[in-house]
Amino acid sequence: MSPSPSAIPSGFLPLPSGSGFIEVNGPLYLRQQGDQVRLGLRVEPRHVNPMGNLHGGMMASFCDMLIPLTVHRTSEHPGQRFLPTISLQIDYLAPAPLGCWIEGRAELLRATRTLVFAQGLVTADGVPCARASGVFKIGPELPAGFRA
C-alpha cells in the first residue's frame, strides 16, 4: 500500500531509489529549498512493529539515508562520493505511530579528508521522535545512476 499523493505534505517529491533496500522499504520523499533538506516518510502498515509504531530498524534506515543525503546536498565536500556508515547512534525519543508523517533534518558537523561527522533530528507529526548522529567514511565516487 503506497500513500496517496494527497497524504504527502506539499513540496515533497518521491526520492528516486533505483532498486534495492529503499525501493522495497520506502518510499521516501525529499524536499529541498536551498540548503534546507528534509526527508519524509508516511508510516505504512509494513513499516510498523507489533505495537503499531514505526519499527526501530526502519527508523535506523531512515536516519542512515537522511544524514548522508543531507551532507551530499548541502556541502561540496565530500562531493559525489559514497558515504558508508562507520557509526550511527540513534536515541528513540517517542513512538511514530501508523499513519504519521515522519520528517527529518540533518546537518554536517565536520568533514575531514576521510570522514564526515553529522547529526539529525526526526519528528513524527511534528513531535521529536528520534535523534541521530553518525560518522561516515568518504568512499569511492557514486555510480552515475546513484548521484545524490
Protein backbone atom coordinates (compact mmCIF):
# COMPACT_ATOMS: atom_id res chain seq x y z
CA MET A 1 0.00 0.00 0.00
CA SER A 2 1.60 3.26 -1.13
CA PRO A 3 0.28 6.52 0.27
CA SER A 4 -1.87 8.66 -1.97
CA PRO A 5 -0.16 11.82 -3.26
CA SER A 6 -2.53 13.91 -1.10
CA ALA A 7 -1.11 12.19 2.01
CA ILE A 8 2.31 13.66 1.29
CA PRO A 9 2.95 17.23 2.51
CA SER A 10 3.28 19.94 -0.11
CA GLY A 11 6.72 20.33 -1.66
CA PHE A 12 7.88 16.77 -1.00
CA LEU A 13 8.74 14.71 -4.07
CA PRO A 14 9.43 10.97 -4.29
CA LEU A 15 13.11 10.25 -3.80
CA PRO A 16 14.34 8.11 -6.67
CA SER A 17 15.70 4.98 -5.08
CA GLY A 18 16.71 2.94 -8.09
CA SER A 19 16.48 -0.56 -6.74
CA GLY A 20 17.42 -2.44 -3.63
CA PHE A 21 16.62 -1.89 0.01
CA ILE A 22 14.93 1.53 -0.12
CA GLU A 23 12.93 0.55 -3.19
CA VAL A 24 11.39 -2.25 -1.11
CA ASN A 25 11.16 -0.38 2.20
CA GLY A 26 10.30 3.17 1.12
CA PRO A 27 9.01 5.23 -0.41
CA LEU A 28 10.97 8.19 0.88
CA TYR A 29 10.18 11.79 -0.04
CA LEU A 30 12.52 14.75 -0.37
CA ARG A 31 12.02 18.48 -0.09
CA GLN A 32 14.91 20.84 -0.73
CA GLN A 33 14.85 24.61 -0.60
CA GLY A 34 18.40 25.92 -0.92
CA ASP A 35 20.46 24.34 1.86
CA GLN A 36 17.33 23.21 3.71
CA VAL A 37 16.89 19.48 3.07
CA ARG A 38 14.06 17.43 4.55
CA LEU A 39 13.43 13.72 4.16
CA GLY A 40 9.99 12.27 4.82
CA LEU A 41 8.09 9.00 5.08
CA ARG A 42 4.42 8.20 5.65
CA VAL A 43 4.35 5.29 8.13
CA GLU A 44 2.52 2.40 6.45
CA PRO A 45 1.41 -0.96 7.93
CA ARG A 46 4.54 -2.65 6.52
CA HIS A 47 6.77 -0.23 8.48
CA VAL A 48 5.40 -0.91 11.96
CA ASN A 49 6.19 -3.23 14.86
CA PRO A 50 3.52 -5.30 16.72
CA MET A 51 2.58 -2.20 18.76
CA GLY A 52 1.62 -0.26 15.62
CA ASN A 53 4.61 2.09 15.75
CA LEU A 54 7.42 2.58 13.25
CA HIS A 55 9.87 -0.29 13.67
CA GLY A 56 13.21 0.78 15.16
CA GLY A 57 15.04 -0.81 12.25
CA MET A 58 13.05 1.28 9.78
CA MET A 59 13.84 4.41 11.81
CA ALA A 60 17.53 3.46 11.71
CA SER A 61 17.33 3.01 7.93
CA PHE A 62 15.58 6.36 7.60
CA CYS A 63 18.32 8.09 9.64
CA ASP A 64 21.02 6.26 7.66
CA MET A 65 19.56 7.81 4.49
CA LEU A 66 18.77 11.22 5.98
CA ILE A 67 22.24 12.13 7.19
CA PRO A 68 24.40 11.25 4.15
CA LEU A 69 21.76 12.55 1.73
CA THR A 70 21.75 15.90 3.52
CA VAL A 71 25.55 16.06 3.51
CA HIS A 72 25.60 15.41 -0.24
CA ARG A 73 23.01 18.09 -0.92
CA THR A 74 24.37 20.82 1.36
CA SER A 75 28.15 20.52 1.15
CA GLU A 76 30.67 20.49 -1.67
CA HIS A 77 32.88 18.20 0.38
CA PRO A 78 32.75 15.13 0.08
CA GLY A 79 31.35 15.66 -3.41
CA GLN A 80 29.53 12.78 -5.03
CA ARG A 81 31.27 10.06 -3.03
CA PHE A 82 29.68 7.09 -1.33
CA LEU A 83 29.42 7.62 2.44
CA PRO A 84 29.39 4.18 4.05
CA THR A 85 28.33 4.27 7.69
CA ILE A 86 31.04 3.72 10.29
CA SER A 87 28.90 4.55 13.29
CA LEU A 88 25.24 5.50 13.68
CA GLN A 89 23.77 6.29 17.07
CA ILE A 90 20.04 6.76 17.49
CA ASP A 91 18.10 7.91 20.52
CA TYR A 92 14.47 6.88 20.20
CA LEU A 93 12.58 9.74 21.85
CA ALA A 94 8.92 8.88 21.17
CA PRO A 95 6.87 6.46 19.08
CA ALA A 96 5.98 7.22 15.46
CA PRO A 97 2.52 5.65 15.07
CA LEU A 98 0.99 4.07 12.00
CA GLY A 99 -0.15 6.74 9.56
CA CYS A 100 2.01 9.54 10.90
CA TRP A 101 4.36 11.60 8.77
CA ILE A 102 7.98 11.36 9.84
CA GLU A 103 10.27 14.11 8.73
CA GLY A 104 13.99 14.51 9.27
CA ARG A 105 16.53 17.28 9.05
CA ALA A 106 20.27 16.86 9.40
CA GLU A 107 23.42 18.92 9.45
CA LEU A 108 27.06 18.39 8.70
CA LEU A 109 29.15 18.99 11.81
CA ARG A 110 32.62 18.40 10.38
CA ALA A 111 34.26 16.85 7.36
CA THR A 112 37.87 15.76 7.25
CA ARG A 113 39.83 14.34 4.33
CA THR A 114 38.41 10.86 5.02
CA LEU A 115 35.44 11.20 7.42
CA VAL A 116 32.14 13.03 7.80
CA PHE A 117 30.52 13.77 11.19
CA ALA A 118 26.85 14.74 11.11
CA GLN A 119 23.63 14.68 13.11
CA GLY A 120 19.89 14.78 12.56
CA LEU A 121 16.50 15.09 14.22
CA VAL A 122 13.36 13.24 13.16
CA THR A 123 9.81 14.25 14.07
CA ALA A 124 6.53 12.30 13.90
CA ASP A 125 3.69 14.67 13.03
CA GLY A 126 5.88 17.47 14.42
CA VAL A 127 6.85 15.73 17.69
CA PRO A 128 10.56 14.82 18.08
CA CYS A 129 10.81 11.03 17.89
CA ALA A 130 14.47 10.29 17.10
CA ARG A 131 17.85 11.95 17.34
CA ALA A 132 20.73 10.51 15.35
CA SER A 133 24.42 11.15 14.93
CA GLY A 134 26.85 9.39 12.69
CA VAL A 135 30.34 9.04 11.35
CA PHE A 136 30.68 8.19 7.66
CA LYS A 137 33.73 7.23 5.59
CA ILE A 138 34.33 9.21 2.44
CA GLY A 139 34.38 6.40 -0.08
CA PRO A 140 34.60 5.99 -3.85
CA GLU A 141 32.69 8.04 -6.40
CA LEU A 142 29.00 7.21 -6.56
CA PRO A 143 27.86 5.48 -9.76
CA ALA A 144 26.18 7.91 -12.16
CA GLY A 145 22.74 6.38 -11.53
CA PHE A 146 23.03 6.98 -7.78
CA ARG A 147 24.04 10.63 -7.69
CA ALA A 148 22.61 12.42 -4.65
